[in-house]
Amino acid sequence: MGLCRLASGRTPAPSFRKVYDKGRSAGNRLLVLYYLAGDDDFRLGVSAGKRLGKAVVRNRLKRRVKEAFRRLRPSLVRGGQLVFIIRHGAVAATFLEILNAERDLLKRMELLQNG
């Protein structure tokens, strides 16, 4: 459910509730982003419900969301906990569409340097 390869770590699934309750959110047709401000480091969680498809499909989507975040990570300005919830529209989306959807949400949360 998280991104282990980032130096900043991952948000464990039980902590998602705290981010949902106390954080801010924004969404588009592919993803929903919940953000809770914190220290200078990022913790990332990714949630893909069973309605999206079988485990192969859900895991592929989570890998795409994590990779898109890895590419956008150098442009982020402040830390905290992030949880991405994958919507059904992402099942048919390309990687580029997912990357742009993440970029859009991070800009709307004012987390990107150039945006």
PDB file of N, CA and C in Angstrom:
ATOM      1  N   MET A   1       0.799  -1.202   0.000  1.00  0.00           N
ATOM      2  CA  MET A   1       0.000   0.000   0.000  1.00  0.00           C
ATOM      3  C   MET A   1       0.831   1.251   0.000  1.00  0.00           C
ATOM      4  N   GLY A   2       2.135   1.156   0.060  1.00  0.00           N
ATOM      5  CA  GLY A   2       2.925   2.368   0.096  1.00  0.00           C
ATOM      6  C   GLY A   2       4.115   2.275  -0.817  1.00  0.00           C
ATOM      7  N   LEU A   3       4.959   3.246  -0.699  1.00  0.00           N
ATOM      8  CA  LEU A   3       6.137   3.305  -1.534  1.00  0.00           C
ATOM      9  C   LEU A   3       7.346   3.130  -0.649  1.00  0.00           C
ATOM     10  N   CYS A   4       7.980   1.991  -0.730  1.00  0.00           N
ATOM     11  CA  CYS A   4       9.092   1.662   0.148  1.00  0.00           C
ATOM     12  C   CYS A   4      10.423   2.214  -0.349  1.00  0.00           C
ATOM     13  N   ARG A   5      10.586   2.425  -1.634  1.00  0.00           N
ATOM     14  CA  ARG A   5      11.883   2.799  -2.181  1.00  0.00           C
ATOM     15  C   ARG A   5      12.243   4.257  -1.972  1.00  0.00           C
ATOM     16  N   LEU A   6      11.277   5.077  -1.627  1.00  0.00           N
ATOM     17  CA  LEU A   6      11.582   6.472  -1.335  1.00  0.00           C
ATOM     18  C   LEU A   6      12.321   6.548  -0.010  1.00  0.00           C
ATOM     19  N   ALA A   7      13.264   7.446   0.069  1.00  0.00           N
ATOM     20  CA  ALA A   7      13.988   7.622   1.314  1.00  0.00           C
ATOM     21  C   ALA A   7      13.040   8.030   2.429  1.00  0.00           C
ATOM     22  N   SER A   8      11.952   8.653   2.065  1.00  0.00           N
ATOM     23  CA  SER A   8      11.012   9.160   3.056  1.00  0.00           C
ATOM     24  C   SER A   8      10.097   8.079   3.617  1.00  0.00           C
ATOM     25  N   GLY A   9       9.951   6.950   2.932  1.00  0.00           N
ATOM     26  CA  GLY A   9       9.146   5.873   3.469  1.00  0.00           C
ATOM     27  C   GLY A   9       7.718   5.880   2.977  1.00  0.00           C
ATOM     28  N   ARG A  10       6.905   5.173   3.716  1.00  0.00           N
ATOM     29  CA  ARG A  10       5.523   5.001   3.308  1.00  0.00           C
ATOM     30  C   ARG A  10       4.609   5.276   4.478  1.00  0.00           C
ATOM     31  N   THR A  11       3.361   5.543   4.170  1.00  0.00           N
ATOM     32  CA  THR A  11       2.343   5.731   5.190  1.00  0.00           C
ATOM     33  C   THR A  11       1.667   4.386   5.402  1.00  0.00           C
ATOM     34  N   PRO A  12       1.760   3.821   6.598  1.00  0.00           N
ATOM     35  CA  PRO A  12       1.100   2.531   6.835  1.00  0.00           C
ATOM     36  C   PRO A  12      -0.423   2.672   6.711  1.00  0.00           C
ATOM     37  N   ALA A  13      -1.070   1.623   6.259  1.00  0.00           N
ATOM     38  CA  ALA A  13      -2.514   1.662   6.017  1.00  0.00           C
ATOM     39  C   ALA A  13      -3.325   2.149   7.224  1.00  0.00           C
ATOM     40  N   PRO A  14      -3.021   1.747   8.461  1.00  0.00           N
ATOM     41  CA  PRO A  14      -3.813   2.262   9.588  1.00  0.00           C
ATOM     42  C   PRO A  14      -3.710   3.783   9.753  1.00  0.00           C
ATOM     43  N   SER A  15      -2.652   4.396   9.254  1.00  0.00           N
ATOM     44  CA  SER A  15      -2.492   5.845   9.365  1.00  0.00           C
ATOM     45  C   SER A  15      -3.306   6.600   8.319  1.00  0.00           C
ATOM     46  N   PHE A  16      -3.844   5.893   7.348  1.00  0.00           N
ATOM     47  CA  PHE A  16      -4.638   6.547   6.311  1.00  0.00           C
ATOM     48  C   PHE A  16      -5.802   7.313   6.932  1.00  0.00           C
ATOM     49  N   ARG A  17      -6.435   6.741   7.939  1.00  0.00           N
ATOM     50  CA  ARG A  17      -7.600   7.370   8.566  1.00  0.00           C
ATOM     51  C   ARG A  17      -7.247   8.750   9.099  1.00  0.00           C
ATOM     52  N   LYS A  18      -6.083   8.886   9.714  1.00  0.00           N
ATOM     53  CA  LYS A  18      -5.644  10.187  10.243  1.00  0.00           C
ATOM     54  C   LYS A  18      -5.502  11.200   9.108  1.00  0.00           C
ATOM     55  N   VAL A  19      -4.924  10.777   7.999  1.00  0.00           N
ATOM     56  CA  VAL A  19      -4.743  11.666   6.845  1.00  0.00           C
ATOM     57  C   VAL A  19      -6.103  12.043   6.269  1.00  0.00           C
ATOM     58  N   TYR A  20      -7.033  11.079   6.202  1.00  0.00           N
ATOM     59  CA  TYR A  20      -8.370  11.363   5.686  1.00  0.00           C
ATOM     60  C   TYR A  20      -9.096  12.366   6.576  1.00  0.00           C
ATOM     61  N   ASP A  21      -9.008  12.172   7.883  1.00  0.00           N
ATOM     62  CA  ASP A  21      -9.771  12.997   8.826  1.00  0.00           C
ATOM     63  C   ASP A  21      -9.198  14.395   9.014  1.00  0.00           C
ATOM     64  N   LYS A  22      -7.868  14.512   9.085  1.00  0.00           N
ATOM     65  CA  LYS A  22      -7.246  15.793   9.421  1.00  0.00           C
ATOM     66  C   LYS A  22      -6.642  16.524   8.232  1.00  0.00           C
ATOM     67  N   GLY A  23      -6.519  15.838   7.096  1.00  0.00           N
ATOM     68  CA  GLY A  23      -5.858  16.443   5.947  1.00  0.00           C
ATOM     69  C   GLY A  23      -6.822  17.111   4.983  1.00  0.00           C
ATOM     70  N   ARG A  24      -6.233  17.668   3.925  1.00  0.00           N
ATOM     71  CA  ARG A  24      -7.007  18.287   2.843  1.00  0.00           C
ATOM     72  C   ARG A  24      -7.088  17.292   1.697  1.00  0.00           C
ATOM     73  N   SER A  25      -8.070  17.491   0.809  1.00  0.00           N
ATOM     74  CA  SER A  25      -8.200  16.568  -0.315  1.00  0.00           C
ATOM     75  C   SER A  25      -8.518  17.318  -1.595  1.00  0.00           C
ATOM     76  N   ALA A  26      -8.166  16.674  -2.695  1.00  0.00           N
ATOM     77  CA  ALA A  26      -8.490  17.164  -4.032  1.00  0.00           C
ATOM     78  C   ALA A  26      -8.624  15.926  -4.915  1.00  0.00           C
ATOM     79  N   GLY A  27      -9.443  16.035  -5.934  1.00  0.00           N
ATOM     80  CA  GLY A  27      -9.637  14.878  -6.794  1.00  0.00           C
ATOM     81  C   GLY A  27      -9.828  15.274  -8.243  1.00  0.00           C
ATOM     82  N   ASN A  28      -9.600  14.322  -9.112  1.00  0.00           N
ATOM     83  CA  ASN A  28      -9.917  14.464 -10.526  1.00  0.00           C
ATOM     84  C   ASN A  28     -10.490  13.127 -10.996  1.00  0.00           C
ATOM     85  N   ARG A  29     -10.603  12.933 -12.279  1.00  0.00           N
ATOM     86  CA  ARG A  29     -11.291  11.726 -12.734  1.00  0.00           C
ATOM     87  C   ARG A  29     -10.478  10.447 -12.538  1.00  0.00           C
ATOM     88  N   LEU A  30      -9.158  10.560 -12.325  1.00  0.00           N
ATOM     89  CA  LEU A  30      -8.313   9.376 -12.164  1.00  0.00           C
ATOM     90  C   LEU A  30      -7.918   9.093 -10.720  1.00  0.00           C
ATOM     91  N   LEU A  31      -7.696  10.152  -9.951  1.00  0.00           N
ATOM     92  CA  LEU A  31      -7.137   9.985  -8.607  1.00  0.00           C
ATOM     93  C   LEU A  31      -7.786  10.939  -7.612  1.00  0.00           C
ATOM     94  N   VAL A  32      -7.681  10.578  -6.350  1.00  0.00           N
ATOM     95  CA  VAL A  32      -8.005  11.475  -5.247  1.00  0.00           C
ATOM     96  C   VAL A  32      -6.740  11.569  -4.405  1.00  0.00           C
ATOM     97  N   LEU A  33      -6.383  12.784  -3.989  1.00  0.00           N
ATOM     98  CA  LEU A  33      -5.203  12.991  -3.158  1.00  0.00           C
ATOM     99  C   LEU A  33      -5.631  13.550  -1.814  1.00  0.00           C
ATOM    100  N   TYR A  34      -5.179  12.906  -0.752  1.00  0.00           N
ATOM    101  CA  TYR A  34      -5.325  13.425   0.603  1.00  0.00           C
ATOM    102  C   TYR A  34      -3.933  13.823   1.066  1.00  0.00           C
ATOM    103  N   TYR A  35      -3.823  15.010   1.662  1.00  0.00           N
ATOM    104  CA  TYR A  35      -2.522  15.524   2.092  1.00  0.00           C
ATOM    105  C   TYR A  35      -2.628  16.056   3.513  1.00  0.00           C
ATOM    106  N   LEU A  36      -1.690  15.636   4.352  1.00  0.00           N
ATOM    107  CA  LEU A  36      -1.583  16.132   5.717  1.00  0.00           C
ATOM    108  C   LEU A  36      -0.177  16.680   5.889  1.00  0.00           C
ATOM    109  N   ALA A  37      -0.076  17.990   6.151  1.00  0.00           N
ATOM    110  CA  ALA A  37       1.231  18.635   6.288  1.00  0.00           C
ATOM    111  C   ALA A  37       1.996  18.010   7.456  1.00  0.00           C
ATOM    112  N   GLY A  38       3.311  17.991   7.301  1.00  0.00           N
ATOM    113  CA  GLY A  38       4.155  17.410   8.336  1.00  0.00           C
ATOM    114  C   GLY A  38       5.564  17.932   8.225  1.00  0.00           C
ATOM    115  N   ASP A  39       6.520  17.075   8.542  1.00  0.00           N
ATOM    116  CA  ASP A  39       7.930  17.461   8.500  1.00  0.00           C
ATOM    117  C   ASP A  39       8.427  17.592   7.061  1.00  0.00           C
ATOM    118  N   ASP A  40       9.715  17.696   6.877  1.00  0.00           N
ATOM    119  CA  ASP A  40      10.293  17.906   5.550  1.00  0.00           C
ATOM    120  C   ASP A  40      10.281  16.668   4.670  1.00  0.00           C
ATOM    121  N   ASP A  41       9.964  15.527   5.231  1.00  0.00           N
ATOM    122  CA  ASP A  41       9.970  14.281   4.484  1.00  0.00           C
ATOM    123  C   ASP A  41       8.564  13.934   4.015  1.00  0.00           C
ATOM    124  N   PHE A  42       8.480  13.139   2.943  1.00  0.00           N
ATOM    125  CA  PHE A  42       7.199  12.682   2.442  1.00  0.00           C
ATOM    126  C   PHE A  42       6.975  11.234   2.826  1.00  0.00           C
ATOM    127  N   ARG A  43       5.736  10.920   3.133  1.00  0.00           N
ATOM    128  CA  ARG A  43       5.303   9.538   3.316  1.00  0.00           C
ATOM    129  C   ARG A  43       4.139   9.345   2.360  1.00  0.00           C
ATOM    130  N   LEU A  44       4.228   8.306   1.556  1.00  0.00           N
ATOM    131  CA  LEU A  44       3.257   8.087   0.487  1.00  0.00           C
ATOM    132  C   LEU A  44       2.481   6.810   0.726  1.00  0.00           C
ATOM    133  N   GLY A  45       1.181   6.889   0.540  1.00  0.00           N
ATOM    134  CA  GLY A  45       0.329   5.712   0.565  1.00  0.00           C
ATOM    135  C   GLY A  45      -0.502   5.687  -0.701  1.00  0.00           C
ATOM    136  N   VAL A  46      -0.781   4.481  -1.187  1.00  0.00           N
ATOM    137  CA  VAL A  46      -1.593   4.322  -2.389  1.00  0.00           C
ATOM    138  C   VAL A  46      -2.661   3.278  -2.092  1.00  0.00           C
ATOM    139  N   SER A  47      -3.899   3.607  -2.395  1.00  0.00           N
ATOM    140  CA  SER A  47      -5.005   2.701  -2.141  1.00  0.00           C
ATOM    141  C   SER A  47      -5.728   2.393  -3.445  1.00  0.00           C
ATOM    142  N   ALA A  48      -5.932   1.102  -3.683  1.00  0.00           N
ATOM    143  CA  ALA A  48      -6.652   0.643  -4.876  1.00  0.00           C
ATOM    144  C   ALA A  48      -7.693  -0.366  -4.425  1.00  0.00           C
ATOM    145  N   GLY A  49      -8.953   0.000  -4.497  1.00  0.00           N
ATOM    146  CA  GLY A  49     -10.036  -0.869  -4.046  1.00  0.00           C
ATOM    147  C   GLY A  49     -10.261  -2.044  -4.976  1.00  0.00           C
ATOM    148  N   LYS A  50     -10.914  -3.057  -4.457  1.00  0.00           N
ATOM    149  CA  LYS A  50     -11.158  -4.276  -5.228  1.00  0.00           C
ATOM    150  C   LYS A  50     -12.083  -4.051  -6.417  1.00  0.00           C
ATOM    151  N   ARG A  51     -12.837  -2.968  -6.414  1.00  0.00           N
ATOM    152  CA  ARG A  51     -13.728  -2.682  -7.547  1.00  0.00           C
ATOM    153  C   ARG A  51     -12.958  -2.353  -8.822  1.00  0.00           C
ATOM    154  N   LEU A  52     -11.675  -2.032  -8.684  1.00  0.00           N
ATOM    155  CA  LEU A  52     -10.871  -1.687  -9.862  1.00  0.00           C
ATOM    156  C   LEU A  52     -10.550  -2.907 -10.720  1.00  0.00           C
ATOM    157  N   GLY A  53     -10.543  -4.072 -10.114  1.00  0.00           N
ATOM    158  CA  GLY A  53     -10.224  -5.278 -10.863  1.00  0.00           C
ATOM    159  C   GLY A  53      -9.461  -6.265 -10.001  1.00  0.00           C
ATOM    160  N   LYS A  54      -8.914  -7.247 -10.653  1.00  0.00           N
ATOM    161  CA  LYS A  54      -8.156  -8.273  -9.945  1.00  0.00           C
ATOM    162  C   LYS A  54      -6.829  -7.707  -9.451  1.00  0.00           C
ATOM    163  N   ALA A  55      -6.127  -8.486  -8.636  1.00  0.00           N
ATOM    164  CA  ALA A  55      -4.890  -8.039  -8.006  1.00  0.00           C
ATOM    165  C   ALA A  55      -3.853  -7.577  -9.024  1.00  0.00           C
ATOM    166  N   VAL A  56      -3.778  -8.232 -10.161  1.00  0.00           N
ATOM    167  CA  VAL A  56      -2.816  -7.853 -11.194  1.00  0.00           C
ATOM    168  C   VAL A  56      -3.071  -6.417 -11.656  1.00  0.00           C
ATOM    169  N   VAL A  57      -4.320  -6.086 -11.860  1.00  0.00           N
ATOM    170  CA  VAL A  57      -4.701  -4.747 -12.319  1.00  0.00           C
ATOM    171  C   VAL A  57      -4.418  -3.724 -11.227  1.00  0.00           C
ATOM    172  N   ARG A  58      -4.833  -4.024  -9.998  1.00  0.00           N
ATOM    173  CA  ARG A  58      -4.625  -3.092  -8.888  1.00  0.00           C
ATOM    174  C   ARG A  58      -3.139  -2.846  -8.637  1.00  0.00           C
ATOM    175  N   ASN A  59      -2.345  -3.887  -8.674  1.00  0.00           N
ATOM    176  CA  ASN A  59      -0.912  -3.728  -8.429  1.00  0.00           C
ATOM    177  C   ASN A  59      -0.234  -2.930  -9.542  1.00  0.00           C
ATOM    178  N   ARG A  60      -0.652  -3.140 -10.782  1.00  0.00           N
ATOM    179  CA  ARG A  60      -0.099  -2.363 -11.894  1.00  0.00           C
ATOM    180  C   ARG A  60      -0.419  -0.880 -11.721  1.00  0.00           C
ATOM    181  N   LEU A  61      -1.645  -0.586 -11.338  1.00  0.00           N
ATOM    182  CA  LEU A  61      -2.034   0.803 -11.109  1.00  0.00           C
ATOM    183  C   LEU A  61      -1.238   1.430  -9.964  1.00  0.00           C
ATOM    184  N   LYS A  62      -1.048   0.687  -8.892  1.00  0.00           N
ATOM    185  CA  LYS A  62      -0.270   1.216  -7.762  1.00  0.00           C
ATOM    186  C   LYS A  62       1.181   1.479  -8.175  1.00  0.00           C
ATOM    187  N   ARG A  63       1.754   0.579  -8.969  1.00  0.00           N
ATOM    188  CA  ARG A  63       3.125   0.799  -9.450  1.00  0.00           C
ATOM    189  C   ARG A  63       3.201   2.058 -10.306  1.00  0.00           C
ATOM    190  N   ARG A  64       2.212   2.273 -11.156  1.00  0.00           N
ATOM    191  CA  ARG A  64       2.203   3.473 -12.004  1.00  0.00           C
ATOM    192  C   ARG A  64       2.090   4.742 -11.170  1.00  0.00           C
ATOM    193  N   VAL A  65       1.227   4.742 -10.169  1.00  0.00           N
ATOM    194  CA  VAL A  65       1.064   5.922  -9.305  1.00  0.00           C
ATOM    195  C   VAL A  65       2.365   6.191  -8.538  1.00  0.00           C
ATOM    196  N   LYS A  66       3.001   5.140  -8.032  1.00  0.00           N
ATOM    197  CA  LYS A  66       4.266   5.309  -7.298  1.00  0.00           C
ATOM    198  C   LYS A  66       5.377   5.829  -8.202  1.00  0.00           C
ATOM    199  N   GLU A  67       5.458   5.318  -9.419  1.00  0.00           N
ATOM    200  CA  GLU A  67       6.480   5.776 -10.360  1.00  0.00           C
ATOM    201  C   GLU A  67       6.246   7.225 -10.762  1.00  0.00           C
ATOM    202  N   ALA A  68       5.000   7.598 -10.982  1.00  0.00           N
ATOM    203  CA  ALA A  68       4.688   8.993 -11.312  1.00  0.00           C
ATOM    204  C   ALA A  68       5.097   9.905 -10.153  1.00  0.00           C
ATOM    205  N   PHE A  69       4.839   9.476  -8.926  1.00  0.00           N
ATOM    206  CA  PHE A  69       5.233  10.275  -7.765  1.00  0.00           C
ATOM    207  C   PHE A  69       6.756  10.384  -7.677  1.00  0.00           C
ATOM    208  N   ARG A  70       7.446   9.278  -7.963  1.00  0.00           N
ATOM    209  CA  ARG A  70       8.910   9.295  -7.929  1.00  0.00           C
ATOM    210  C   ARG A  70       9.458  10.329  -8.910  1.00  0.00           C
ATOM    211  N   ARG A  71       8.843  10.455 -10.066  1.00  0.00           N
ATOM    212  CA  ARG A  71       9.295  11.428 -11.060  1.00  0.00           C
ATOM    213  C   ARG A  71       8.981  12.867 -10.659  1.00  0.00           C
ATOM    214  N   LEU A  72       7.897  13.073  -9.928  1.00  0.00           N
ATOM    215  CA  LEU A  72       7.511  14.419  -9.508  1.00  0.00           C
ATOM    216  C   LEU A  72       8.155  14.830  -8.181  1.00  0.00           C
ATOM    217  N   ARG A  73       8.665  13.887  -7.451  1.00  0.00           N
ATOM    218  CA  ARG A  73       9.205  14.122  -6.106  1.00  0.00           C
ATOM    219  C   ARG A  73      10.245  15.241  -6.034  1.00  0.00           C
ATOM    220  N   PRO A  74      11.205  15.355  -6.967  1.00  0.00           N
ATOM    221  CA  PRO A  74      12.199  16.430  -6.869  1.00  0.00           C
ATOM    222  C   PRO A  74      11.604  17.836  -6.946  1.00  0.00           C
ATOM    223  N   SER A  75      10.413  17.983  -7.487  1.00  0.00           N
ATOM    224  CA  SER A  75       9.793  19.302  -7.637  1.00  0.00           C
ATOM    225  C   SER A  75       8.904  19.694  -6.462  1.00  0.00           C
ATOM    226  N   LEU A  76       8.760  18.822  -5.482  1.00  0.00           N
ATOM    227  CA  LEU A  76       7.869  19.106  -4.360  1.00  0.00           C
ATOM    228  C   LEU A  76       8.539  20.030  -3.354  1.00  0.00           C
ATOM    229  N   VAL A  77       7.751  20.911  -2.751  1.00  0.00           N
ATOM    230  CA  VAL A  77       8.312  21.966  -1.914  1.00  0.00           C
ATOM    231  C   VAL A  77       8.267  21.691  -0.419  1.00  0.00           C
ATOM    232  N   ARG A  78       7.307  20.928   0.055  1.00  0.00           N
ATOM    233  CA  ARG A  78       7.267  20.660   1.494  1.00  0.00           C
ATOM    234  C   ARG A  78       6.777  19.245   1.745  1.00  0.00           C
ATOM    235  N   GLY A  79       7.054  18.770   2.923  1.00  0.00           N
ATOM    236  CA  GLY A  79       6.766  17.383   3.249  1.00  0.00           C
ATOM    237  C   GLY A  79       5.419  17.171   3.903  1.00  0.00           C
ATOM    238  N   GLY A  80       5.153  15.921   4.206  1.00  0.00           N
ATOM    239  CA  GLY A  80       3.919  15.533   4.854  1.00  0.00           C
ATOM    240  C   GLY A  80       3.506  14.148   4.407  1.00  0.00           C
ATOM    241  N   GLN A  81       2.299  13.782   4.751  1.00  0.00           N
ATOM    242  CA  GLN A  81       1.778  12.474   4.381  1.00  0.00           C
ATOM    243  C   GLN A  81       0.798  12.637   3.219  1.00  0.00           C
ATOM    244  N   LEU A  82       0.972  11.797   2.219  1.00  0.00           N
ATOM    245  CA  LEU A  82       0.110  11.808   1.036  1.00  0.00           C
ATOM    246  C   LEU A  82      -0.524  10.437   0.874  1.00  0.00           C
ATOM    247  N   VAL A  83      -1.796  10.429   0.537  1.00  0.00           N
ATOM    248  CA  VAL A  83      -2.468   9.183   0.205  1.00  0.00           C
ATOM    249  C   VAL A  83      -3.197   9.402  -1.113  1.00  0.00           C
ATOM    250  N   PHE A  84      -2.858   8.587  -2.101  1.00  0.00           N
ATOM    251  CA  PHE A  84      -3.557   8.608  -3.384  1.00  0.00           C
ATOM    252  C   PHE A  84      -4.559   7.465  -3.402  1.00  0.00           C
ATOM    253  N   ILE A  85      -5.787   7.777  -3.761  1.00  0.00           N
ATOM    254  CA  ILE A  85      -6.811   6.758  -3.968  1.00  0.00           C
ATOM    255  C   ILE A  85      -7.056   6.699  -5.465  1.00  0.00           C
ATOM    256  N   ILE A  86      -6.948   5.500  -6.008  1.00  0.00           N
ATOM    257  CA  ILE A  86      -7.086   5.319  -7.450  1.00  0.00           C
ATOM    258  C   ILE A  86      -8.558   5.142  -7.792  1.00  0.00           C
ATOM    259  N   ARG A  87      -9.034   5.935  -8.739  1.00  0.00           N
ATOM    260  CA  ARG A  87     -10.417   5.840  -9.206  1.00  0.00           C
ATOM    261  C   ARG A  87     -10.506   4.925 -10.421  1.00  0.00           C
ATOM    262  N   HIS A  88     -11.715   4.509 -10.731  1.00  0.00           N
ATOM    263  CA  HIS A  88     -11.934   3.552 -11.818  1.00  0.00           C
ATOM    264  C   HIS A  88     -11.464   4.073 -13.173  1.00  0.00           C
ATOM    265  N   GLY A  89     -11.477   5.377 -13.382  1.00  0.00           N
ATOM    266  CA  GLY A  89     -11.026   5.940 -14.651  1.00  0.00           C
ATOM    267  C   GLY A  89      -9.561   5.652 -14.955  1.00  0.00           C
ATOM    268  N   ALA A  90      -8.777   5.372 -13.917  1.00  0.00           N
ATOM    269  CA  ALA A  90      -7.351   5.113 -14.101  1.00  0.00           C
ATOM    270  C   ALA A  90      -7.074   3.742 -14.706  1.00  0.00           C
ATOM    271  N   VAL A  91      -8.030   2.851 -14.664  1.00  0.00           N
ATOM    272  CA  VAL A  91      -7.823   1.497 -15.192  1.00  0.00           C
ATOM    273  C   VAL A  91      -7.453   1.545 -16.668  1.00  0.00           C
ATOM    274  N   ALA A  92      -8.104   2.398 -17.440  1.00  0.00           N
ATOM    275  CA  ALA A  92      -7.846   2.486 -18.874  1.00  0.00           C
ATOM    276  C   ALA A  92      -6.865   3.600 -19.232  1.00  0.00           C
ATOM    277  N   ALA A  93      -6.354   4.306 -18.229  1.00  0.00           N
ATOM    278  CA  ALA A  93      -5.475   5.452 -18.482  1.00  0.00           C
ATOM    279  C   ALA A  93      -4.045   5.000 -18.781  1.00  0.00           C
ATOM    280  N   THR A  94      -3.346   5.813 -19.564  1.00  0.00           N
ATOM    281  CA  THR A  94      -1.934   5.564 -19.829  1.00  0.00           C
ATOM    282  C   THR A  94      -1.107   6.119 -18.676  1.00  0.00           C
ATOM    283  N   PHE A  95       0.175   5.759 -18.660  1.00  0.00           N
ATOM    284  CA  PHE A  95       1.050   6.273 -17.612  1.00  0.00           C
ATOM    285  C   PHE A  95       1.131   7.795 -17.666  1.00  0.00           C
ATOM    286  N   LEU A  96       1.201   8.342 -18.859  1.00  0.00           N
ATOM    287  CA  LEU A  96       1.281   9.797 -19.011  1.00  0.00           C
ATOM    288  C   LEU A  96       0.039  10.493 -18.443  1.00  0.00           C
ATOM    289  N   GLU A  97      -1.121   9.906 -18.656  1.00  0.00           N
ATOM    290  CA  GLU A  97      -2.350  10.475 -18.095  1.00  0.00           C
ATOM    291  C   GLU A  97      -2.323  10.437 -16.569  1.00  0.00           C
ATOM    292  N   ILE A  98      -1.816   9.356 -16.004  1.00  0.00           N
ATOM    293  CA  ILE A  98      -1.706   9.255 -14.545  1.00  0.00           C
ATOM    294  C   ILE A  98      -0.709  10.282 -14.024  1.00  0.00           C
ATOM    295  N   LEU A  99       0.409  10.430 -14.711  1.00  0.00           N
ATOM    296  CA  LEU A  99       1.415  11.426 -14.321  1.00  0.00           C
ATOM    297  C   LEU A  99       0.821  12.834 -14.334  1.00  0.00           C
ATOM    298  N   ASN A 100       0.092  13.168 -15.390  1.00  0.00           N
ATOM    299  CA  ASN A 100      -0.533  14.485 -15.482  1.00  0.00           C
ATOM    300  C   ASN A 100      -1.615  14.683 -14.426  1.00  0.00           C
ATOM    301  N   ALA A 101      -2.347  13.624 -14.096  1.00  0.00           N
ATOM    302  CA  ALA A 101      -3.375  13.715 -13.060  1.00  0.00           C
ATOM    303  C   ALA A 101      -2.727  13.992 -11.700  1.00  0.00           C
ATOM    304  N   GLU A 102      -1.613  13.317 -11.417  1.00  0.00           N
ATOM    305  CA  GLU A 102      -0.889  13.567 -10.169  1.00  0.00           C
ATOM    306  C   GLU A 102      -0.340  14.988 -10.128  1.00  0.00           C
ATOM    307  N   ARG A 103       0.237  15.420 -11.241  1.00  0.00           N
ATOM    308  CA  ARG A 103       0.783  16.777 -11.318  1.00  0.00           C
ATOM    309  C   ARG A 103      -0.323  17.809 -11.045  1.00  0.00           C
ATOM    310  N   ASP A 104      -1.486  17.583 -11.632  1.00  0.00           N
ATOM    311  CA  ASP A 104      -2.629  18.478 -11.428  1.00  0.00           C
ATOM    312  C   ASP A 104      -3.010  18.547  -9.944  1.00  0.00           C
ATOM    313  N   LEU A 105      -3.105  17.409  -9.295  1.00  0.00           N
ATOM    314  CA  LEU A 105      -3.502  17.389  -7.886  1.00  0.00           C
ATOM    315  C   LEU A 105      -2.450  18.036  -6.993  1.00  0.00           C
ATOM    316  N   LEU A 106      -1.182  17.769  -7.273  1.00  0.00           N
ATOM    317  CA  LEU A 106      -0.111  18.364  -6.463  1.00  0.00           C
ATOM    318  C   LEU A 106      -0.058  19.878  -6.651  1.00  0.00           C
ATOM    319  N   LYS A 107      -0.339  20.351  -7.863  1.00  0.00           N
ATOM    320  CA  LYS A 107      -0.403  21.810  -8.098  1.00  0.00           C
ATOM    321  C   LYS A 107      -1.549  22.422  -7.333  1.00  0.00           C
ATOM    322  N   ARG A 108      -2.696  21.761  -7.354  1.00  0.00           N
ATOM    323  CA  ARG A 108      -3.865  22.287  -6.645  1.00  0.00           C
ATOM    324  C   ARG A 108      -3.637  22.308  -5.136  1.00  0.00           C
ATOM    325  N   MET A 109      -2.800  21.416  -4.625  1.00  0.00           N
ATOM    326  CA  MET A 109      -2.462  21.412  -3.196  1.00  0.00           C
ATOM    327  C   MET A 109      -1.294  22.356  -2.894  1.00  0.00           C
ATOM    328  N   GLU A 110      -0.781  23.014  -3.938  1.00  0.00           N
ATOM    329  CA  GLU A 110       0.343  23.948  -3.830  1.00  0.00           C
ATOM    330  C   GLU A 110       1.593  23.270  -3.261  1.00  0.00           C
ATOM    331  N   LEU A 111       1.866  22.067  -3.781  1.00  0.00           N
ATOM    332  CA  LEU A 111       3.038  21.304  -3.350  1.00  0.00           C
ATOM    333  C   LEU A 111       4.144  21.288  -4.392  1.00  0.00           C
ATOM    334  N   LEU A 112       3.871  21.748  -5.605  1.00  0.00           N
ATOM    335  CA  LEU A 112       4.881  21.758  -6.670  1.00  0.00           C
ATOM    336  C   LEU A 112       5.567  23.126  -6.743  1.00  0.00           C
ATOM    337  N   GLN A 113       6.875  23.119  -6.962  1.00  0.00           N
ATOM    338  CA  GLN A 113       7.645  24.370  -7.101  1.00  0.00           C
ATOM    339  C   GLN A 113       7.187  25.187  -8.293  1.00  0.00           C
ATOM    340  N   ASN A 114       7.053  24.537  -9.432  1.00  0.00           N
ATOM    341  CA  ASN A 114       6.751  25.246 -10.688  1.00  0.00           C
ATOM    342  C   ASN A 114       5.256  25.218 -10.978  1.00  0.00           C
ATOM    343  N   GLY A 115       4.465  25.623 -10.060  1.00  0.00           N
ATOM    344  CA  GLY A 115       3.076  25.571 -10.400  1.00  0.00           C
ATOM    345  C   GLY A 115       2.240  26.252  -9.407  1.00  0.00           C
TER     346      GLY A 115
END
